[in-house]
Amino acid sequence: MPTLSTTFALLRERQACEDGYKKLAKHLGGVRKYGATTPIPLATIVESNGLDDAFWSLRAVPEAQKAARDKPARLFACDCAERVLPHYEAQYPKDSRVRDCIAVARRYANGQATDIEMAAARDAAGAAAWAAAWAAWA
């Protein structure tokens, strides 16, 4: 898998937070010295600014890297959802819509599910979320 990167120019264009931008610039010796269009590996942003800023920086990768960005980002989102899934299932043990949605999202990230399957899974998980919210409110 190619190394994902961004640049100071792309971070500025995507309106990165000023504090994070300055912290990264300091870590790399300044924007002028490093270069506004010199690639910055996202691993460098993790080292300098932490995981939150690195994840945010996924929105500022060059156009040519967007396909490479989407798969690991989608799989990471599936991993996060699976980690909290037991909390939902403890409350709603007979509702498999959220689990099913995660499975479809994982298949989609791996190129094994269609846009139509993904949309149906998203709608089902959304309905499950609304039902849970409604039950909590009632």
Protein backbone atom coordinates (compact mmCIF):
# COMPACT_ATOMS: atom_id res chain seq x y z
CA MET A 1 0.00 0.00 0.00
CA PRO A 2 1.39 3.44 -0.87
CA THR A 3 2.35 5.82 1.90
CA LEU A 4 -0.40 8.38 2.40
CA SER A 5 0.76 11.97 2.58
CA THR A 6 -0.38 15.55 2.42
CA THR A 7 1.30 18.92 2.04
CA PHE A 8 1.19 22.20 3.88
CA ALA A 9 -0.58 23.68 0.85
CA LEU A 10 -3.30 21.01 0.97
CA LEU A 11 -3.67 21.37 4.74
CA ARG A 12 -4.11 25.13 4.31
CA GLU A 13 -6.57 24.62 1.44
CA ARG A 14 -8.65 22.23 3.57
CA GLN A 15 -8.58 24.73 6.46
CA ALA A 16 -6.58 22.71 8.97
CA CYS A 17 -6.79 24.08 12.50
CA GLU A 18 -4.23 26.81 13.07
CA ASP A 19 -2.72 25.24 16.21
CA GLY A 20 -2.18 21.86 14.58
CA TYR A 21 -0.79 23.45 11.43
CA LYS A 22 1.70 25.51 13.45
CA LYS A 23 2.70 22.52 15.57
CA LEU A 24 3.45 20.46 12.45
CA ALA A 25 5.31 23.37 10.83
CA LYS A 26 7.50 23.73 13.92
CA HIS A 27 8.16 19.97 13.98
CA LEU A 28 9.30 20.08 10.34
CA GLY A 29 11.39 23.24 10.66
CA GLY A 30 8.90 25.67 9.16
CA VAL A 31 6.76 25.75 6.05
CA ARG A 32 9.28 27.69 3.93
CA LYS A 33 12.18 25.44 4.89
CA TYR A 34 10.21 22.19 4.47
CA GLY A 35 8.32 23.35 1.39
CA ALA A 36 4.62 24.11 1.00
CA THR A 37 4.17 21.37 -1.60
CA THR A 38 6.65 18.80 -0.24
CA PRO A 39 4.81 15.59 0.72
CA ILE A 40 4.33 15.05 4.46
CA PRO A 41 3.73 11.39 5.33
CA LEU A 42 0.73 10.96 7.60
CA ALA A 43 2.98 8.91 9.90
CA THR A 44 4.96 12.12 10.46
CA ILE A 45 1.76 13.90 11.48
CA VAL A 46 1.04 11.09 13.98
CA GLU A 47 4.54 11.58 15.45
CA SER A 48 4.23 15.36 15.61
CA ASN A 49 0.56 16.05 16.31
CA GLY A 50 -1.04 12.76 17.26
CA LEU A 51 -3.64 10.45 15.82
CA ASP A 52 -6.55 12.93 15.77
CA ASP A 53 -4.72 15.35 13.49
CA ALA A 54 -3.47 12.50 11.30
CA PHE A 55 -7.02 11.22 10.83
CA TRP A 56 -8.22 14.73 10.05
CA SER A 57 -5.41 14.98 7.49
CA LEU A 58 -6.92 12.13 5.52
CA ARG A 59 -9.22 14.75 4.01
CA ALA A 60 -6.19 16.61 2.69
CA VAL A 61 -4.41 13.92 0.69
CA PRO A 62 -3.65 14.59 -2.98
CA GLU A 63 -6.30 13.52 -5.49
CA ALA A 64 -4.11 10.64 -6.69
CA GLN A 65 -4.10 9.13 -3.17
CA LYS A 66 -7.83 9.25 -2.47
CA ALA A 67 -8.49 5.67 -3.59
CA ALA A 68 -5.62 4.42 -1.42
CA ARG A 69 -6.93 6.49 1.50
CA ASP A 70 -10.49 5.22 1.40
CA LYS A 71 -9.90 1.54 2.05
CA PRO A 72 -7.84 1.85 5.28
CA ALA A 73 -10.08 4.67 6.51
CA ARG A 74 -13.23 2.58 5.93
CA LEU A 75 -11.71 -0.51 7.54
CA PHE A 76 -10.60 1.53 10.55
CA ALA A 77 -14.14 2.91 10.90
CA CYS A 78 -15.45 -0.67 10.82
CA ASP A 79 -12.97 -1.66 13.53
CA CYS A 80 -14.10 1.26 15.72
CA ALA A 81 -17.77 0.41 15.23
CA GLU A 82 -17.13 -3.24 16.09
CA ARG A 83 -15.44 -2.21 19.34
CA VAL A 84 -18.60 -0.51 20.60
CA LEU A 85 -21.06 -2.93 19.01
CA PRO A 86 -21.34 -5.06 22.19
CA HIS A 87 -22.86 -2.05 24.00
CA TYR A 88 -25.61 -1.77 21.38
CA GLU A 89 -26.21 -5.51 21.24
CA ALA A 90 -26.44 -5.75 25.02
CA GLN A 91 -29.34 -3.30 24.82
CA TYR A 92 -30.89 -4.75 21.64
CA PRO A 93 -29.78 -8.40 21.41
CA LYS A 94 -32.24 -9.33 18.65
CA ASP A 95 -31.34 -6.42 16.35
CA SER A 96 -28.61 -7.42 13.90
CA ARG A 97 -28.94 -4.37 11.62
CA VAL A 98 -25.89 -2.58 12.99
CA ARG A 99 -23.72 -5.72 12.91
CA ASP A 100 -24.93 -6.40 9.37
CA CYS A 101 -24.11 -2.84 8.32
CA ILE A 102 -20.56 -3.15 9.64
CA ALA A 103 -20.13 -6.40 7.72
CA VAL A 104 -21.37 -4.81 4.49
CA ALA A 105 -19.15 -1.75 5.05
CA ARG A 106 -16.14 -4.02 5.51
CA ARG A 107 -17.04 -5.92 2.32
CA TYR A 108 -17.54 -2.60 0.51
CA ALA A 109 -14.08 -1.39 1.58
CA ASN A 110 -12.64 -4.59 0.15
CA GLY A 111 -14.53 -4.17 -3.13
CA GLN A 112 -16.95 -7.03 -2.41
CA ALA A 113 -20.23 -5.11 -1.95
CA THR A 114 -22.09 -2.79 -4.30
CA ASP A 115 -23.17 0.79 -3.75
CA ILE A 116 -26.75 -0.48 -3.54
CA GLU A 117 -25.88 -2.98 -0.79
CA MET A 118 -24.00 -0.25 1.08
CA ALA A 119 -26.93 2.17 0.82
CA ALA A 120 -29.38 -0.48 2.07
CA ALA A 121 -27.11 -1.35 5.01
CA ARG A 122 -26.65 2.34 5.85
CA ASP A 123 -30.42 2.88 5.81
CA ALA A 124 -31.02 -0.16 8.02
CA ALA A 125 -28.38 0.93 10.54
CA GLY A 126 -29.83 4.44 10.52
CA ALA A 127 -33.28 3.05 11.25
CA ALA A 128 -31.80 1.01 14.12
CA ALA A 129 -30.15 4.14 15.52
CA TRP A 130 -33.43 6.08 15.32
CA ALA A 131 -35.28 3.22 17.02
CA ALA A 132 -32.71 3.13 19.82
CA ALA A 133 -32.85 6.92 20.24
CA TRP A 134 -36.65 6.85 20.28
CA ALA A 135 -36.65 4.06 22.88
CA ALA A 136 -34.18 5.96 25.05
CA TRP A 137 -36.29 9.11 24.85
CA ALA A 138 -39.52 7.27 25.64
